[in-house]
Amino acid sequence: MFTVYGLNGRVYSGPLEGLRALEPVQAVARVRALAPLSSTLETEAQAEAGVLRAEPNPESHLMALGSPEPRPRDALAAYAKAQARVLPDEKRQPLRLVEELMSRSLVTVPAAASVAQGLRLLSQARVGQAPVLNLHGRLVGLLLRGDLLPVPDEVEDAQAWSAWFARPVGDVMWSPVPSAHVDTPLREVAQALLDFRLPGMPVSDEKGELLGFISRSDMLRALTREPPLELWS
């Protein structure tokens, strides 16, 4: 089960099939897919240089929101290595639902924050994305690190930079944004992240209150964790 929230509240609640057909979410996904490649590459280069880089900290639950994504080949290699050390009589522990893998320690951004404030929050918390909440604590969007820096051609002087960072996060956040429920199957969440090109997804209850966050990093990390785990049996 998925629920979609926007600035005006709940937009949709239902299965993955209905989410795929929802035009407001599809429209946002199409716009994000058409983002200039040069802007994306520059943002990644700045992250590598340490401007917004999320430094790994194994003891922090915030890693799930912002740590660098493991490369698929590295994740598979680590998983194979872990499997080689499994004893024959070791019991498998399949993970099936979002609540078994989601992060509960969260960083959120208020909808009234400016781009500069949102950037500061993500940088201080060392995360790559964060749910955006309204004054009532309800989910209204998702703020991505890559959306906080403008296309270089659009900011030619200091005044333009100041104007950009003074904009509200509502102008650049992903909204409406899909969210998963705690009992949503992990397989469906993985498919939704692929369909909409999202790095992660908020987890909320039926009232729109934020409960956690599930990311691609959470799923890849589960493949390399010991004792051995199976994402899907």
C-alpha atoms as a PDB file:
ATOM      1  CA  MET A   1       0.000   0.000   0.000  1.00  0.00           C
ATOM      2  CA  PHE A   2       1.191   3.488  -0.919  1.00  0.00           C
ATOM      3  CA  THR A   3      -0.096   6.957  -0.145  1.00  0.00           C
ATOM      4  CA  VAL A   4       0.757  10.148  -2.033  1.00  0.00           C
ATOM      5  CA  TYR A   5       0.872  13.502  -0.255  1.00  0.00           C
ATOM      6  CA  GLY A   6       1.127  17.016  -1.652  1.00  0.00           C
ATOM      7  CA  LEU A   7       0.743  20.567  -0.393  1.00  0.00           C
ATOM      8  CA  ASN A   8      -3.035  20.131  -0.248  1.00  0.00           C
ATOM      9  CA  GLY A   9      -2.962  16.828   1.607  1.00  0.00           C
ATOM     10  CA  ARG A  10      -3.591  13.272   0.500  1.00  0.00           C
ATOM     11  CA  VAL A  11      -3.695  12.740  -3.250  1.00  0.00           C
ATOM     12  CA  TYR A  12      -3.907   8.960  -3.480  1.00  0.00           C
ATOM     13  CA  SER A  13      -3.963   5.833  -1.372  1.00  0.00           C
ATOM     14  CA  GLY A  14      -3.804   2.377  -2.873  1.00  0.00           C
ATOM     15  CA  PRO A  15      -1.651  -0.307  -4.526  1.00  0.00           C
ATOM     16  CA  LEU A  16       1.429   0.113  -6.718  1.00  0.00           C
ATOM     17  CA  GLU A  17      -0.577  -0.288  -9.915  1.00  0.00           C
ATOM     18  CA  GLY A  18      -2.656   2.780  -9.135  1.00  0.00           C
ATOM     19  CA  LEU A  19       0.430   4.735  -8.107  1.00  0.00           C
ATOM     20  CA  ARG A  20       2.000   4.112 -11.497  1.00  0.00           C
ATOM     21  CA  ALA A  21      -1.078   5.523 -13.225  1.00  0.00           C
ATOM     22  CA  LEU A  22      -1.258   8.657 -11.069  1.00  0.00           C
ATOM     23  CA  GLU A  23      -0.604  11.603 -13.369  1.00  0.00           C
ATOM     24  CA  PRO A  24       0.634  14.166 -10.755  1.00  0.00           C
ATOM     25  CA  VAL A  25       3.400  11.817  -9.601  1.00  0.00           C
ATOM     26  CA  GLN A  26       4.240  10.766 -13.146  1.00  0.00           C
ATOM     27  CA  ALA A  27       4.476  14.426 -14.165  1.00  0.00           C
ATOM     28  CA  VAL A  28       7.000  15.172 -11.428  1.00  0.00           C
ATOM     29  CA  ALA A  29       9.011  12.077 -12.355  1.00  0.00           C
ATOM     30  CA  ARG A  30       9.110  13.153 -16.016  1.00  0.00           C
ATOM     31  CA  VAL A  31      10.326  16.643 -15.108  1.00  0.00           C
ATOM     32  CA  ARG A  32      13.064  15.213 -12.881  1.00  0.00           C
ATOM     33  CA  ALA A  33      14.118  12.804 -15.613  1.00  0.00           C
ATOM     34  CA  LEU A  34      14.636  15.743 -17.986  1.00  0.00           C
ATOM     35  CA  ALA A  35      16.943  17.634 -15.593  1.00  0.00           C
ATOM     36  CA  PRO A  36      20.092  18.893 -17.407  1.00  0.00           C
ATOM     37  CA  LEU A  37      22.854  16.295 -17.350  1.00  0.00           C
ATOM     38  CA  SER A  38      25.503  18.958 -16.732  1.00  0.00           C
ATOM     39  CA  SER A  39      23.703  20.060 -13.578  1.00  0.00           C
ATOM     40  CA  THR A  40      23.535  16.494 -12.292  1.00  0.00           C
ATOM     41  CA  LEU A  41      27.200  15.879 -12.996  1.00  0.00           C
ATOM     42  CA  GLU A  42      28.234  19.117 -11.332  1.00  0.00           C
ATOM     43  CA  THR A  43      26.224  18.304  -8.215  1.00  0.00           C
ATOM     44  CA  GLU A  44      27.857  14.888  -8.029  1.00  0.00           C
ATOM     45  CA  ALA A  45      31.292  16.434  -8.503  1.00  0.00           C
ATOM     46  CA  GLN A  46      30.655  18.862  -5.650  1.00  0.00           C
ATOM     47  CA  ALA A  47      29.535  16.010  -3.454  1.00  0.00           C
ATOM     48  CA  GLU A  48      32.713  14.099  -4.225  1.00  0.00           C
ATOM     49  CA  ALA A  49      34.730  17.199  -3.347  1.00  0.00           C
ATOM     50  CA  GLY A  50      33.135  17.229   0.100  1.00  0.00           C
ATOM     51  CA  VAL A  51      30.814  20.194  -0.330  1.00  0.00           C
ATOM     52  CA  LEU A  52      27.731  18.192   0.609  1.00  0.00           C
ATOM     53  CA  ARG A  53      29.236  14.772   1.008  1.00  0.00           C
ATOM     54  CA  ALA A  54      27.727  12.418   3.559  1.00  0.00           C
ATOM     55  CA  GLU A  55      30.648  10.957   5.509  1.00  0.00           C
ATOM     56  CA  PRO A  56      30.018   7.301   6.416  1.00  0.00           C
ATOM     57  CA  ASN A  57      29.210   6.679  10.081  1.00  0.00           C
ATOM     58  CA  PRO A  58      28.195   3.073  10.778  1.00  0.00           C
ATOM     59  CA  GLU A  59      26.684   3.991  14.158  1.00  0.00           C
ATOM     60  CA  SER A  60      24.326   6.605  12.782  1.00  0.00           C
ATOM     61  CA  HIS A  61      20.823   5.804  11.512  1.00  0.00           C
ATOM     62  CA  LEU A  62      21.087   8.941   9.390  1.00  0.00           C
ATOM     63  CA  MET A  63      23.236   6.995   6.936  1.00  0.00           C
ATOM     64  CA  ALA A  64      20.090   5.595   5.393  1.00  0.00           C
ATOM     65  CA  LEU A  65      19.080   9.048   4.210  1.00  0.00           C
ATOM     66  CA  GLY A  66      22.337  10.417   2.960  1.00  0.00           C
ATOM     67  CA  SER A  67      25.272   8.055   2.771  1.00  0.00           C
ATOM     68  CA  PRO A  68      26.829   7.413  -0.632  1.00  0.00           C
ATOM     69  CA  GLU A  69      25.015   4.652  -2.497  1.00  0.00           C
ATOM     70  CA  PRO A  70      27.048   1.402  -2.660  1.00  0.00           C
ATOM     71  CA  ARG A  71      27.854   0.464  -6.240  1.00  0.00           C
ATOM     72  CA  PRO A  72      25.773  -2.564  -7.313  1.00  0.00           C
ATOM     73  CA  ARG A  73      28.889  -4.581  -8.220  1.00  0.00           C
ATOM     74  CA  ASP A  74      30.457  -3.889  -4.810  1.00  0.00           C
ATOM     75  CA  ALA A  75      27.240  -4.803  -3.031  1.00  0.00           C
ATOM     76  CA  LEU A  76      26.940  -8.101  -4.897  1.00  0.00           C
ATOM     77  CA  ALA A  77      30.582  -8.958  -4.256  1.00  0.00           C
ATOM     78  CA  ALA A  78      30.211  -8.294  -0.541  1.00  0.00           C
ATOM     79  CA  TYR A  79      27.028 -10.341  -0.454  1.00  0.00           C
ATOM     80  CA  ALA A  80      28.743 -13.279  -2.141  1.00  0.00           C
ATOM     81  CA  LYS A  81      31.623 -13.047   0.328  1.00  0.00           C
ATOM     82  CA  ALA A  82      29.204 -13.065   3.255  1.00  0.00           C
ATOM     83  CA  GLN A  83      27.355 -16.044   1.801  1.00  0.00           C
ATOM     84  CA  ALA A  84      30.618 -18.000   1.576  1.00  0.00           C
ATOM     85  CA  ARG A  85      30.989 -17.752   5.350  1.00  0.00           C
ATOM     86  CA  VAL A  86      27.467 -18.994   6.107  1.00  0.00           C
ATOM     87  CA  LEU A  87      27.300 -22.232   8.030  1.00  0.00           C
ATOM     88  CA  PRO A  88      25.022 -24.932   6.573  1.00  0.00           C
ATOM     89  CA  ASP A  89      22.757 -24.963   9.618  1.00  0.00           C
ATOM     90  CA  GLU A  90      22.483 -21.187   9.900  1.00  0.00           C
ATOM     91  CA  LYS A  91      18.860 -20.132   9.776  1.00  0.00           C
ATOM     92  CA  ARG A  92      17.758 -17.687   7.081  1.00  0.00           C
ATOM     93  CA  GLN A  93      16.015 -14.496   8.171  1.00  0.00           C
ATOM     94  CA  PRO A  94      14.002 -13.166   5.242  1.00  0.00           C
ATOM     95  CA  LEU A  95      13.043  -9.510   5.211  1.00  0.00           C
ATOM     96  CA  ARG A  96       9.712  -8.839   3.569  1.00  0.00           C
ATOM     97  CA  LEU A  97       8.144  -5.620   4.876  1.00  0.00           C
ATOM     98  CA  VAL A  98       9.195  -1.973   5.070  1.00  0.00           C
ATOM     99  CA  GLU A  99       8.992  -1.869   8.873  1.00  0.00           C
ATOM    100  CA  GLU A 100      11.761  -4.488   9.085  1.00  0.00           C
ATOM    101  CA  LEU A 101      14.275  -2.361   7.210  1.00  0.00           C
ATOM    102  CA  MET A 102      13.265   1.320   7.434  1.00  0.00           C
ATOM    103  CA  SER A 103      15.202   3.928   9.387  1.00  0.00           C
ATOM    104  CA  ARG A 104      13.347   5.528  12.264  1.00  0.00           C
ATOM    105  CA  SER A 105      15.852   8.271  13.125  1.00  0.00           C
ATOM    106  CA  LEU A 106      14.860  11.105  10.818  1.00  0.00           C
ATOM    107  CA  VAL A 107      15.872  14.520   9.590  1.00  0.00           C
ATOM    108  CA  THR A 108      12.975  16.630   8.334  1.00  0.00           C
ATOM    109  CA  VAL A 109      12.702  20.033   6.710  1.00  0.00           C
ATOM    110  CA  PRO A 110       9.837  22.461   7.448  1.00  0.00           C
ATOM    111  CA  ALA A 111       7.871  23.546   4.401  1.00  0.00           C
ATOM    112  CA  ALA A 112       8.410  27.190   5.389  1.00  0.00           C
ATOM    113  CA  ALA A 113      12.216  26.848   5.196  1.00  0.00           C
ATOM    114  CA  SER A 114      14.242  28.557   2.500  1.00  0.00           C
ATOM    115  CA  VAL A 115      16.533  26.714   0.091  1.00  0.00           C
ATOM    116  CA  ALA A 116      19.493  27.980   2.122  1.00  0.00           C
ATOM    117  CA  GLN A 117      18.001  26.614   5.345  1.00  0.00           C
ATOM    118  CA  GLY A 118      17.190  23.292   3.706  1.00  0.00           C
ATOM    119  CA  LEU A 119      20.727  23.019   2.390  1.00  0.00           C
ATOM    120  CA  ARG A 120      22.107  23.768   5.843  1.00  0.00           C
ATOM    121  CA  LEU A 121      19.913  21.110   7.471  1.00  0.00           C
ATOM    122  CA  LEU A 122      20.946  18.416   5.009  1.00  0.00           C
ATOM    123  CA  SER A 123      24.616  19.365   5.234  1.00  0.00           C
ATOM    124  CA  GLN A 124      24.682  19.421   9.032  1.00  0.00           C
ATOM    125  CA  ALA A 125      22.905  16.068   9.243  1.00  0.00           C
ATOM    126  CA  ARG A 126      25.044  14.621   6.411  1.00  0.00           C
ATOM    127  CA  VAL A 127      22.029  13.332   4.541  1.00  0.00           C
ATOM    128  CA  GLY A 128      21.150  13.370   0.862  1.00  0.00           C
ATOM    129  CA  GLN A 129      17.400  13.837   1.146  1.00  0.00           C
ATOM    130  CA  ALA A 130      14.773  14.571   3.753  1.00  0.00           C
ATOM    131  CA  PRO A 131      10.976  14.602   4.010  1.00  0.00           C
ATOM    132  CA  VAL A 132       9.321  18.028   4.058  1.00  0.00           C
ATOM    133  CA  LEU A 133       6.594  18.602   6.664  1.00  0.00           C
ATOM    134  CA  ASN A 134       3.970  21.341   6.969  1.00  0.00           C
ATOM    135  CA  LEU A 135       3.096  23.276  10.125  1.00  0.00           C
ATOM    136  CA  HIS A 136       0.963  20.366  11.331  1.00  0.00           C
ATOM    137  CA  GLY A 137       3.770  17.846  10.948  1.00  0.00           C
ATOM    138  CA  ARG A 138       2.202  16.220   7.901  1.00  0.00           C
ATOM    139  CA  LEU A 139       4.199  15.024   4.909  1.00  0.00           C
ATOM    140  CA  VAL A 140       4.010  17.342   1.876  1.00  0.00           C
ATOM    141  CA  GLY A 141       7.163  16.605  -0.122  1.00  0.00           C
ATOM    142  CA  LEU A 142      10.708  15.279  -0.372  1.00  0.00           C
ATOM    143  CA  LEU A 143      13.765  17.526  -0.580  1.00  0.00           C
ATOM    144  CA  LEU A 144      16.688  16.117  -2.548  1.00  0.00           C
ATOM    145  CA  ARG A 145      20.253  17.346  -2.187  1.00  0.00           C
ATOM    146  CA  GLY A 146      20.679  17.579  -5.951  1.00  0.00           C
ATOM    147  CA  ASP A 147      17.731  19.979  -6.248  1.00  0.00           C
ATOM    148  CA  LEU A 148      19.216  22.564  -3.900  1.00  0.00           C
ATOM    149  CA  LEU A 149      21.896  23.794  -6.275  1.00  0.00           C
ATOM    150  CA  PRO A 150      20.778  25.681  -9.393  1.00  0.00           C
ATOM    151  CA  VAL A 151      21.798  25.124 -12.990  1.00  0.00           C
ATOM    152  CA  PRO A 152      24.987  27.242 -13.393  1.00  0.00           C
ATOM    153  CA  ASP A 153      23.601  29.111 -16.413  1.00  0.00           C
ATOM    154  CA  GLU A 154      20.674  30.376 -14.339  1.00  0.00           C
ATOM    155  CA  VAL A 155      22.793  32.176 -11.728  1.00  0.00           C
ATOM    156  CA  GLU A 156      25.228  34.567 -13.339  1.00  0.00           C
ATOM    157  CA  ASP A 157      25.901  36.930 -10.434  1.00  0.00           C
ATOM    158  CA  ALA A 158      25.757  37.243  -6.658  1.00  0.00           C
ATOM    159  CA  GLN A 159      22.265  38.700  -6.738  1.00  0.00           C
ATOM    160  CA  ALA A 160      20.941  35.687  -8.631  1.00  0.00           C
ATOM    161  CA  TRP A 161      22.575  33.343  -6.122  1.00  0.00           C
ATOM    162  CA  SER A 162      20.992  35.235  -3.225  1.00  0.00           C
ATOM    163  CA  ALA A 163      17.591  35.063  -4.896  1.00  0.00           C
ATOM    164  CA  TRP A 164      17.964  31.323  -5.447  1.00  0.00           C
ATOM    165  CA  PHE A 165      18.830  30.534  -1.837  1.00  0.00           C
ATOM    166  CA  ALA A 166      16.001  32.756  -0.582  1.00  0.00           C
ATOM    167  CA  ARG A 167      13.394  30.678  -2.440  1.00  0.00           C
ATOM    168  CA  PRO A 168      11.141  28.420  -0.352  1.00  0.00           C
ATOM    169  CA  VAL A 169      11.905  24.713  -0.442  1.00  0.00           C
ATOM    170  CA  GLY A 170       8.410  24.239  -1.824  1.00  0.00           C
ATOM    171  CA  ASP A 171       9.695  25.560  -5.151  1.00  0.00           C
ATOM    172  CA  VAL A 172      12.291  22.806  -5.537  1.00  0.00           C
ATOM    173  CA  MET A 173      11.024  19.845  -3.497  1.00  0.00           C
ATOM    174  CA  TRP A 174       9.488  16.695  -4.980  1.00  0.00           C
ATOM    175  CA  SER A 175       5.723  17.067  -4.497  1.00  0.00           C
ATOM    176  CA  PRO A 176       3.382  15.289  -4.549  1.00  0.00           C
ATOM    177  CA  VAL A 177       5.537  12.524  -3.105  1.00  0.00           C
ATOM    178  CA  PRO A 178       4.675   8.834  -2.680  1.00  0.00           C
ATOM    179  CA  SER A 179       5.110   7.255   0.728  1.00  0.00           C
ATOM    180  CA  ALA A 180       5.067   3.639   1.821  1.00  0.00           C
ATOM    181  CA  HIS A 181       3.256   2.063   4.748  1.00  0.00           C
ATOM    182  CA  VAL A 182       5.023  -0.070   7.342  1.00  0.00           C
ATOM    183  CA  ASP A 183       3.383  -3.202   5.934  1.00  0.00           C
ATOM    184  CA  THR A 184       4.243  -2.468   2.298  1.00  0.00           C
ATOM    185  CA  PRO A 185       6.272  -5.319   0.746  1.00  0.00           C
ATOM    186  CA  LEU A 186       9.908  -4.392   0.103  1.00  0.00           C
ATOM    187  CA  ARG A 187       9.658  -5.725  -3.432  1.00  0.00           C
ATOM    188  CA  GLU A 188       6.951  -3.160  -4.245  1.00  0.00           C
ATOM    189  CA  VAL A 189       8.948  -0.305  -2.719  1.00  0.00           C
ATOM    190  CA  ALA A 190      12.001  -1.284  -4.762  1.00  0.00           C
ATOM    191  CA  GLN A 191       9.885  -1.261  -7.907  1.00  0.00           C
ATOM    192  CA  ALA A 192       8.401   2.146  -7.058  1.00  0.00           C
ATOM    193  CA  LEU A 193      11.867   3.638  -6.484  1.00  0.00           C
ATOM    194  CA  LEU A 194      12.886   2.395  -9.920  1.00  0.00           C
ATOM    195  CA  ASP A 195       9.692   3.574 -11.597  1.00  0.00           C
ATOM    196  CA  PHE A 196       9.926   7.124 -10.238  1.00  0.00           C
ATOM    197  CA  ARG A 197      13.721   7.427 -10.054  1.00  0.00           C
ATOM    198  CA  LEU A 198      13.621   8.132  -6.334  1.00  0.00           C
ATOM    199  CA  PRO A 199      16.609   7.532  -3.998  1.00  0.00           C
ATOM    200  CA  GLY A 200      14.256   6.707  -1.146  1.00  0.00           C
ATOM    201  CA  MET A 201      10.717   6.991   0.126  1.00  0.00           C
ATOM    202  CA  PRO A 202       9.117   8.315   3.331  1.00  0.00           C
ATOM    203  CA  VAL A 203       7.152   5.882   5.461  1.00  0.00           C
ATOM    204  CA  SER A 204       3.938   7.273   6.931  1.00  0.00           C
ATOM    205  CA  ASP A 205       0.754   6.126   8.619  1.00  0.00           C
ATOM    206  CA  GLU A 206      -2.791   6.568   7.368  1.00  0.00           C
ATOM    207  CA  LYS A 207      -2.942  10.081   8.870  1.00  0.00           C
ATOM    208  CA  GLY A 208       0.136  11.292   7.024  1.00  0.00           C
ATOM    209  CA  GLU A 209       2.364  11.296  10.083  1.00  0.00           C
ATOM    210  CA  LEU A 210       5.962  10.417   9.287  1.00  0.00           C
ATOM    211  CA  LEU A 211       7.212   7.154  10.794  1.00  0.00           C
ATOM    212  CA  GLY A 212      10.468   6.488   8.976  1.00  0.00           C
ATOM    213  CA  PHE A 213      12.346   6.376   5.691  1.00  0.00           C
ATOM    214  CA  ILE A 214      13.297   3.527   3.368  1.00  0.00           C
ATOM    215  CA  SER A 215      16.093   4.023   0.844  1.00  0.00           C
ATOM    216  CA  ARG A 216      18.012   2.162  -1.826  1.00  0.00           C
ATOM    217  CA  SER A 217      20.987   2.202   0.555  1.00  0.00           C
ATOM    218  CA  ASP A 218      18.913   0.374   3.180  1.00  0.00           C
ATOM    219  CA  MET A 219      18.177  -2.395   0.713  1.00  0.00           C
ATOM    220  CA  LEU A 220      21.718  -2.703  -0.625  1.00  0.00           C
ATOM    221  CA  ARG A 221      23.143  -2.640   2.893  1.00  0.00           C
ATOM    222  CA  ALA A 222      20.848  -5.513   3.876  1.00  0.00           C
ATOM    223  CA  LEU A 223      22.450  -7.625   1.160  1.00  0.00           C
ATOM    224  CA  THR A 224      25.900  -7.219   2.720  1.00  0.00           C
ATOM    225  CA  ARG A 225      24.940  -7.603   6.369  1.00  0.00           C
ATOM    226  CA  GLU A 226      25.753 -10.542   8.611  1.00  0.00           C
ATOM    227  CA  PRO A 227      24.101 -12.762   9.731  1.00  0.00           C
ATOM    228  CA  PRO A 228      22.882 -13.534   6.222  1.00  0.00           C
ATOM    229  CA  LEU A 229      19.546 -12.053   5.247  1.00  0.00           C
ATOM    230  CA  GLU A 230      17.249 -12.643   2.348  1.00  0.00           C
ATOM    231  CA  LEU A 231      15.337  -9.617   1.125  1.00  0.00           C
ATOM    232  CA  TRP A 232      12.703 -11.857  -0.405  1.00  0.00           C
ATOM    233  CA  SER A 233      12.123 -15.523   0.124  1.00  0.00           C
END
